[in-house]
C-alpha atoms as a PDB file:
ATOM      1  CA  MET A   1       2.180 -19.142  52.640  1.00  0.00           C
ATOM      2  CA  LYS A   2      -0.368 -18.240  55.265  1.00  0.00           C
ATOM      3  CA  HIS A   3      -0.296 -19.731  58.737  1.00  0.00           C
ATOM      4  CA  LYS A   4      -3.187 -22.027  59.745  1.00  0.00           C
ATOM      5  CA  LYS A   5      -4.474 -19.418  62.170  1.00  0.00           C
ATOM      6  CA  ASP A   6      -4.929 -16.966  59.277  1.00  0.00           C
ATOM      7  CA  TYR A   7      -7.780 -19.112  57.935  1.00  0.00           C
ATOM      8  CA  PRO A   8     -11.225 -19.451  59.504  1.00  0.00           C
ATOM      9  CA  ALA A   9     -11.601 -22.495  61.760  1.00  0.00           C
ATOM     10  CA  LEU A  10     -13.720 -25.377  60.527  1.00  0.00           C
ATOM     11  CA  PHE A  11     -14.270 -26.714  64.028  1.00  0.00           C
ATOM     12  CA  VAL A  12     -14.647 -24.378  66.984  1.00  0.00           C
ATOM     13  CA  GLY A  13     -14.852 -25.408  70.620  1.00  0.00           C
ATOM     14  CA  SER A  14     -16.452 -23.463  73.448  1.00  0.00           C
ATOM     15  CA  ASN A  15     -13.832 -20.685  73.436  1.00  0.00           C
ATOM     16  CA  SER A  16     -11.416 -21.300  70.585  1.00  0.00           C
ATOM     17  CA  ARG A  17     -10.369 -23.507  67.726  1.00  0.00           C
ATOM     18  CA  MET A  18     -10.595 -27.214  68.410  1.00  0.00           C
ATOM     19  CA  SER A  19      -7.372 -29.126  68.529  1.00  0.00           C
ATOM     20  CA  VAL A  20      -6.730 -31.623  65.750  1.00  0.00           C
ATOM     21  CA  SER A  21      -7.425 -34.534  68.100  1.00  0.00           C
ATOM     22  CA  GLU A  22     -10.714 -32.963  69.260  1.00  0.00           C
ATOM     23  CA  ALA A  23     -11.846 -32.446  65.657  1.00  0.00           C
ATOM     24  CA  GLU A  24     -10.890 -36.019  64.728  1.00  0.00           C
ATOM     25  CA  ARG A  25     -12.819 -37.334  67.707  1.00  0.00           C
ATOM     26  CA  LEU A  26     -15.879 -35.260  66.750  1.00  0.00           C
ATOM     27  CA  VAL A  27     -15.813 -36.552  63.159  1.00  0.00           C
ATOM     28  CA  ARG A  28     -15.520 -40.147  64.392  1.00  0.00           C
ATOM     29  CA  ILE A  29     -18.449 -39.730  66.804  1.00  0.00           C
ATOM     30  CA  VAL A  30     -20.666 -38.069  64.204  1.00  0.00           C
ATOM     31  CA  GLY A  31     -19.780 -40.700  61.618  1.00  0.00           C
ATOM     32  CA  SER A  32     -20.529 -43.518  64.012  1.00  0.00           C
ATOM     33  CA  ASN A  33     -23.814 -42.034  65.196  1.00  0.00           C
ATOM     34  CA  ALA A  34     -25.069 -40.612  61.890  1.00  0.00           C
ATOM     35  CA  ILE A  35     -24.121 -43.276  59.384  1.00  0.00           C
ATOM     36  CA  GLY A  36     -22.967 -46.165  61.537  1.00  0.00           C
ATOM     37  CA  LYS A  37     -19.546 -46.282  59.905  1.00  0.00           C
ATOM     38  CA  HIS A  38     -15.982 -45.500  60.855  1.00  0.00           C
ATOM     39  CA  LEU A  39     -15.349 -41.962  59.631  1.00  0.00           C
ATOM     40  CA  TYR A  40     -12.226 -39.855  59.924  1.00  0.00           C
ATOM     41  CA  PRO A  41     -11.112 -36.468  58.538  1.00  0.00           C
ATOM     42  CA  HIS A  42      -8.779 -37.853  55.866  1.00  0.00           C
ATOM     43  CA  LEU A  43     -11.598 -39.977  54.480  1.00  0.00           C
ATOM     44  CA  LEU A  44     -13.729 -36.839  54.092  1.00  0.00           C
ATOM     45  CA  ARG A  45     -10.844 -35.078  52.319  1.00  0.00           C
ATOM     46  CA  HIS A  46     -10.296 -38.032  50.015  1.00  0.00           C
ATOM     47  CA  ALA A  47     -14.003 -38.365  49.221  1.00  0.00           C
ATOM     48  CA  LYS A  48     -14.215 -34.661  48.346  1.00  0.00           C
ATOM     49  CA  ALA A  49     -11.191 -34.980  46.046  1.00  0.00           C
ATOM     50  CA  VAL A  50     -12.688 -37.988  44.275  1.00  0.00           C
ATOM     51  CA  HIS A  51     -16.063 -36.251  43.827  1.00  0.00           C
ATOM     52  CA  LEU A  52     -14.438 -33.094  42.480  1.00  0.00           C
ATOM     53  CA  ARG A  53     -12.417 -35.138  40.000  1.00  0.00           C
ATOM     54  CA  GLN A  54     -15.470 -37.139  38.896  1.00  0.00           C
ATOM     55  CA  ALA A  55     -17.294 -33.832  38.372  1.00  0.00           C
ATOM     56  CA  GLY A  56     -14.599 -32.797  35.908  1.00  0.00           C
ATOM     57  CA  THR A  57     -12.274 -30.679  38.058  1.00  0.00           C
ATOM     58  CA  SER A  58      -8.880 -30.470  36.389  1.00  0.00           C
ATOM     59  CA  ILE A  59      -5.896 -32.118  38.028  1.00  0.00           C
ATOM     60  CA  GLU A  60      -4.243 -28.721  38.426  1.00  0.00           C
ATOM     61  CA  ASN A  61      -7.276 -27.201  40.170  1.00  0.00           C
ATOM     62  CA  LEU A  62      -7.628 -30.269  42.363  1.00  0.00           C
ATOM     63  CA  ARG A  63      -3.939 -30.044  43.278  1.00  0.00           C
ATOM     64  CA  ASP A  64      -4.423 -26.413  44.304  1.00  0.00           C
ATOM     65  CA  PHE A  65      -7.580 -27.212  46.258  1.00  0.00           C
ATOM     66  CA  LEU A  66      -5.794 -29.941  48.198  1.00  0.00           C
ATOM     67  CA  GLY A  67      -2.658 -27.860  48.705  1.00  0.00           C
ATOM     68  CA  HIS A  68      -0.328 -30.337  47.043  1.00  0.00           C
ATOM     69  CA  LYS A  69       2.972 -29.047  45.650  1.00  0.00           C
ATOM     70  CA  ASP A  70       3.463 -31.946  43.259  1.00  0.00           C
ATOM     71  CA  VAL A  71       0.696 -32.987  40.873  1.00  0.00           C
ATOM     72  CA  ARG A  72       1.856 -36.617  41.179  1.00  0.00           C
ATOM     73  CA  THR A  73       0.575 -36.618  44.751  1.00  0.00           C
ATOM     74  CA  THR A  74      -2.802 -35.480  43.487  1.00  0.00           C
ATOM     75  CA  LEU A  75      -2.887 -38.196  40.837  1.00  0.00           C
ATOM     76  CA  ILE A  76      -2.446 -40.851  43.501  1.00  0.00           C
ATOM     77  CA  TYR A  77      -4.779 -39.158  45.962  1.00  0.00           C
ATOM     78  CA  ALA A  78      -7.660 -38.684  43.555  1.00  0.00           C
ATOM     79  CA  ARG A  79      -7.458 -42.208  42.146  1.00  0.00           C
ATOM     80  CA  ILE A  80      -7.102 -41.169  38.545  1.00  0.00           C
ATOM     81  CA  VAL A  81      -7.820 -43.997  36.144  1.00  0.00           C
ATOM     82  CA  PRO A  82      -4.952 -45.168  33.895  1.00  0.00           C
ATOM     83  CA  THR A  83      -6.632 -43.883  30.709  1.00  0.00           C
ATOM     84  CA  GLU A  84      -6.546 -40.340  32.140  1.00  0.00           C
ATOM     85  CA  LEU A  85      -2.887 -40.707  33.100  1.00  0.00           C
ATOM     86  CA  LYS A  86      -2.024 -41.288  29.436  1.00  0.00           C
ATOM     87  CA  LYS A  87      -3.462 -37.845  28.557  1.00  0.00           C
ATOM     88  CA  LEU A  88      -1.025 -36.020  30.861  1.00  0.00           C
ATOM     89  CA  PRO A  89       2.232 -34.607  29.531  1.00  0.00           C
ATOM     90  CA  ARG A  90       5.312 -36.784  30.081  1.00  0.00           C
ATOM     91  CA  THR A  91       7.160 -33.923  31.798  1.00  0.00           C
ATOM     92  CA  ILE A  92       5.351 -34.330  35.115  1.00  0.00           C
END
């Protein structure tokens, strides 16, 4: 598995990568100013997962996108409806 620093930074400060707390603060400020709502990084991640799933992304591809090891985590995270759960193999 690659180290975080092997990937391009999403948020960059004046001279280097932003710390996690700096990025969280930036997202909160932008959310508050732009849409007038409380916004935080995990909410963005969750919203992206839900939109991908609603667009038809498979559970396996969504799991890989999110970096989950266990597909059960993805099922919870992406708010899969009970009718879709019934379609999954029992061996999960």
